[in-house]
Amino acid sequence: MRKLRILVVDDHALVRRGIRAVLHSQPAWRVVGEAANGREAVEKAMKLKPDVVVLDVSMPELDGLEVARQVRDTVPGAKVLVLTMHESDQMVRRALDAGARGYLLKSDLTDSLTKAVKAVAEGKRFLTPKVYEIVLDRFLRTRSYHQQEGGAGAPITAREIQIIRLLSEGKTNKEIAVLLGISFRTVETHRSKIALKLGLHSLAELIHYAIRRGIVRGHEG
């Protein structure tokens, strides 16, 4: 049976060693490489074609968010799991918008790393409970503001729900266009209407809208 291929990216050798030790506890998983800076991470991702990239945000030479974007664009089969100390909802939103499938705090490393890798490898999203609460709190505050300002907009259509689901699953505009048999420009138009109706302007907020409405299932750990 083919083993799950994992690339570990962190600028601290001790952290990489700890991550590797946890991952090696899973017999069906294999760490195929390590990287200590952002440029090396992109190069190794392109060369090794891993299934999952465990990626620190704060990296020398090329920051983790840019690494996530480049991996998303050049190695579409790789799923990025961000591992970081940053607890701000802004950083979570930026990571998800950059293409990360999961967001894991280093304080949760021992308890949640294997669950997170398993989830993103299966094409799901993963947020630990603490991260989920951080983003959900921001989401609820944003929704409350837009409702007070009269920004709720018109009802969401069946087609828009389809697009919200596909976006929440990590599909790009181009992939959505192919799956639904519509043009790329039509997908962009739908996304603009969704943002206007819901008052949501980031992928993270859209994901939490989808989870709260039952459009997709959450994986908060």
Protein backbone atom coordinates (compact mmCIF):
# COMPACT_ATOMS: atom_id res chain seq x y z
CA MET A 1 0.00 0.00 0.00
CA ARG A 2 1.33 3.45 -0.93
CA LYS A 3 2.49 5.47 2.06
CA LEU A 4 1.39 9.04 2.70
CA ARG A 5 4.28 11.30 1.68
CA ILE A 6 4.98 14.26 3.98
CA LEU A 7 7.34 17.24 3.70
CA VAL A 8 8.24 18.96 6.99
CA VAL A 9 9.13 22.68 6.84
CA ASP A 10 10.46 24.60 9.86
CA ASP A 11 13.58 26.67 10.38
CA HIS A 12 14.33 25.01 13.73
CA ALA A 13 15.94 21.58 13.53
CA LEU A 14 14.62 20.62 16.98
CA VAL A 15 11.03 21.34 15.91
CA ARG A 16 11.48 19.34 12.70
CA ARG A 17 12.86 16.44 14.74
CA GLY A 18 9.83 16.55 17.04
CA ILE A 19 7.39 16.64 14.12
CA ARG A 20 9.17 13.76 12.44
CA ALA A 21 9.02 11.71 15.66
CA VAL A 22 5.24 12.18 15.89
CA LEU A 23 4.68 11.40 12.20
CA HIS A 24 6.85 8.28 12.33
CA SER A 25 4.41 6.80 14.85
CA GLN A 26 2.10 6.20 11.89
CA PRO A 27 3.31 3.16 9.90
CA ALA A 28 1.45 4.23 6.74
CA TRP A 29 3.18 7.63 6.68
CA ARG A 30 6.63 8.58 5.40
CA VAL A 31 8.53 11.85 5.84
CA VAL A 32 10.11 12.25 2.39
CA GLY A 33 12.00 15.46 3.12
CA GLU A 34 12.66 18.47 5.31
CA ALA A 35 13.28 22.15 4.58
CA ALA A 36 14.73 24.89 6.78
CA ASN A 37 13.70 27.96 4.73
CA GLY A 38 10.95 29.02 2.37
CA ARG A 39 12.81 28.75 -0.91
CA GLU A 40 14.07 25.29 -0.06
CA ALA A 41 10.51 24.32 0.86
CA VAL A 42 9.13 25.28 -2.56
CA GLU A 43 12.00 23.55 -4.36
CA LYS A 44 11.56 20.33 -2.39
CA ALA A 45 7.78 20.38 -2.78
CA MET A 46 8.16 20.64 -6.57
CA LYS A 47 10.80 17.88 -6.62
CA LEU A 48 9.31 15.42 -4.10
CA LYS A 49 5.57 15.95 -4.83
CA PRO A 50 4.45 15.28 -1.23
CA ASP A 51 0.84 14.58 -0.29
CA VAL A 52 1.03 16.87 2.75
CA VAL A 53 3.31 19.79 3.60
CA VAL A 54 3.57 20.60 7.33
CA LEU A 55 4.61 24.25 7.16
CA ASP A 56 5.71 26.85 9.69
CA VAL A 57 4.51 30.39 8.90
CA SER A 58 7.59 32.29 10.13
CA MET A 59 10.32 31.21 7.72
CA PRO A 60 13.54 32.87 6.45
CA GLU A 61 14.03 33.82 2.79
CA LEU A 62 10.37 33.21 1.86
CA ASP A 63 7.57 33.40 4.43
CA GLY A 64 5.26 30.45 4.97
CA LEU A 65 2.21 32.11 3.42
CA GLU A 66 4.06 32.71 0.16
CA VAL A 67 5.31 29.12 0.29
CA ALA A 68 1.69 27.95 0.67
CA ARG A 69 0.65 30.02 -2.37
CA GLN A 70 3.47 28.68 -4.52
CA VAL A 71 2.86 25.08 -3.45
CA ARG A 72 -0.84 25.51 -4.21
CA ASP A 73 -0.02 26.79 -7.70
CA THR A 74 2.84 24.44 -8.61
CA VAL A 75 2.03 21.21 -6.74
CA PRO A 76 -1.79 21.08 -6.78
CA GLY A 77 -1.90 17.59 -5.28
CA ALA A 78 -0.12 18.72 -2.09
CA LYS A 79 -2.21 19.71 0.93
CA VAL A 80 -0.69 22.38 3.18
CA LEU A 81 -1.04 22.21 6.96
CA VAL A 82 0.15 25.40 8.64
CA LEU A 83 1.89 24.95 11.99
CA THR A 84 2.50 28.17 13.92
CA MET A 85 2.51 30.05 17.23
CA HIS A 86 0.32 32.86 15.81
CA GLU A 87 -3.20 32.91 17.28
CA SER A 88 -4.68 35.94 15.49
CA ASP A 89 -7.78 35.52 13.35
CA GLN A 90 -6.07 37.68 10.69
CA MET A 91 -3.24 35.17 10.37
CA VAL A 92 -5.69 32.26 10.16
CA ARG A 93 -7.63 34.00 7.38
CA ARG A 94 -4.43 34.83 5.49
CA ALA A 95 -3.25 31.23 5.74
CA LEU A 96 -6.53 29.81 4.47
CA ASP A 97 -6.65 32.37 1.67
CA ALA A 98 -3.10 31.34 0.71
CA GLY A 99 -4.28 27.76 0.20
CA ALA A 100 -3.70 26.08 3.57
CA ARG A 101 -6.10 23.22 4.31
CA GLY A 102 -5.45 23.28 8.04
CA TYR A 103 -4.16 25.55 10.79
CA LEU A 104 -2.50 24.04 13.84
CA LEU A 105 -0.97 25.87 16.79
CA LYS A 106 2.42 24.62 17.97
CA SER A 107 0.96 24.39 21.48
CA ASP A 108 -1.38 21.70 20.10
CA LEU A 109 1.37 19.84 18.23
CA THR A 110 1.53 16.72 20.39
CA ASP A 111 -2.22 16.28 20.77
CA SER A 112 -3.44 17.17 17.28
CA LEU A 113 -0.71 16.77 14.64
CA THR A 114 -1.70 13.26 13.51
CA LYS A 115 -5.40 14.18 13.40
CA ALA A 116 -4.59 17.32 11.40
CA VAL A 117 -2.41 15.52 8.86
CA LYS A 118 -5.00 12.77 8.43
CA ALA A 119 -7.79 15.31 7.87
CA VAL A 120 -5.99 17.43 5.28
CA ALA A 121 -4.67 14.33 3.50
CA GLU A 122 -8.29 13.22 3.07
CA GLY A 123 -9.18 16.57 1.51
CA LYS A 124 -10.87 17.93 4.63
CA ARG A 125 -10.13 21.11 6.51
CA PHE A 126 -8.72 21.11 10.02
CA LEU A 127 -8.82 23.74 12.74
CA THR A 128 -8.09 22.92 16.37
CA PRO A 129 -10.82 24.04 18.82
CA LYS A 130 -8.86 27.11 19.93
CA VAL A 131 -8.26 28.29 16.36
CA TYR A 132 -11.87 27.55 15.45
CA GLU A 133 -13.07 29.73 18.32
CA ILE A 134 -10.73 32.57 17.29
CA VAL A 135 -12.05 32.67 13.73
CA LEU A 136 -15.66 31.96 14.67
CA ASP A 137 -15.63 34.87 17.13
CA ARG A 138 -14.40 37.16 14.34
CA PHE A 139 -16.99 35.74 11.97
CA LEU A 140 -19.86 36.36 14.40
CA ARG A 141 -18.69 39.91 15.09
CA THR A 142 -18.44 40.60 11.35
CA ARG A 143 -21.91 39.16 10.69
CA SER A 144 -23.39 41.18 13.55
CA TYR A 145 -21.90 44.39 12.14
CA HIS A 146 -23.23 43.77 8.63
CA GLN A 147 -26.69 42.88 9.94
CA GLN A 148 -26.77 46.13 11.93
CA GLU A 149 -25.69 48.05 8.84
CA GLY A 150 -28.35 46.40 6.70
CA GLY A 151 -25.82 44.46 4.66
CA ALA A 152 -27.51 41.04 4.81
CA GLY A 153 -28.55 41.29 1.14
CA ALA A 154 -30.76 39.00 -0.90
CA PRO A 155 -31.20 35.25 -0.24
CA ILE A 156 -28.46 32.89 -1.38
CA THR A 157 -29.39 30.88 -4.48
CA ALA A 158 -28.92 27.14 -5.01
CA ARG A 159 -26.08 27.82 -7.46
CA GLU A 160 -24.35 30.11 -4.96
CA ILE A 161 -24.63 27.40 -2.29
CA GLN A 162 -22.90 25.00 -4.71
CA ILE A 163 -20.09 27.49 -5.20
CA ILE A 164 -19.76 28.16 -1.45
CA ARG A 165 -19.44 24.41 -0.86
CA LEU A 166 -16.79 24.00 -3.56
CA LEU A 167 -14.80 27.01 -2.35
CA SER A 168 -14.94 25.65 1.20
CA GLU A 169 -13.57 22.35 -0.08
CA GLY A 170 -10.56 24.18 -1.53
CA LYS A 171 -11.54 24.30 -5.21
CA THR A 172 -10.20 27.14 -7.36
CA ASN A 173 -12.39 29.31 -9.62
CA LYS A 174 -11.11 27.39 -12.65
CA GLU A 175 -11.92 24.00 -11.06
CA ILE A 176 -15.39 25.20 -10.09
CA ALA A 177 -16.04 26.39 -13.64
CA VAL A 178 -15.14 22.96 -15.03
CA LEU A 179 -17.16 21.05 -12.40
CA LEU A 180 -20.29 23.16 -12.91
CA GLY A 181 -19.94 23.60 -16.66
CA ILE A 182 -19.87 27.39 -16.51
CA SER A 183 -17.29 30.00 -17.47
CA PHE A 184 -14.50 31.26 -15.25
CA ARG A 185 -16.00 34.77 -15.45
CA THR A 186 -19.39 33.45 -14.31
CA VAL A 187 -17.76 31.92 -11.24
CA GLU A 188 -16.10 35.25 -10.46
CA THR A 189 -19.48 36.99 -10.80
CA HIS A 190 -21.10 34.51 -8.42
CA ARG A 191 -18.29 35.03 -5.89
CA SER A 192 -18.77 38.80 -6.04
CA LYS A 193 -22.52 38.41 -5.45
CA ILE A 194 -21.91 36.02 -2.54
CA ALA A 195 -19.50 38.49 -0.93
CA LEU A 196 -22.00 41.32 -1.38
CA LYS A 197 -24.97 39.35 -0.02
CA LEU A 198 -23.18 37.93 3.01
CA GLY A 199 -20.72 40.70 3.76
CA LEU A 200 -17.91 38.12 3.78
CA HIS A 201 -14.68 39.01 2.04
CA SER A 202 -12.24 36.27 3.03
CA LEU A 203 -12.16 32.54 2.46
CA ALA A 204 -11.97 31.84 6.21
CA GLU A 205 -15.21 33.74 6.87
CA LEU A 206 -16.89 31.94 3.98
CA ILE A 207 -15.79 28.56 5.36
CA HIS A 208 -17.32 29.33 8.73
CA TYR A 209 -20.53 30.52 7.10
CA ALA A 210 -20.64 27.18 5.27
CA ILE A 211 -20.01 25.22 8.49
CA ARG A 212 -22.65 27.11 10.51
CA ARG A 213 -25.25 26.67 7.76
CA GLY A 214 -24.46 22.96 7.35
CA ILE A 215 -23.24 23.45 3.76
CA VAL A 216 -19.99 21.68 4.68
CA ARG A 217 -18.93 19.78 7.77
CA GLY A 218 -16.35 21.26 10.11
CA HIS A 219 -13.28 19.42 11.36
CA GLU A 220 -12.24 21.31 14.45
CA GLY A 221 -10.29 18.44 15.95
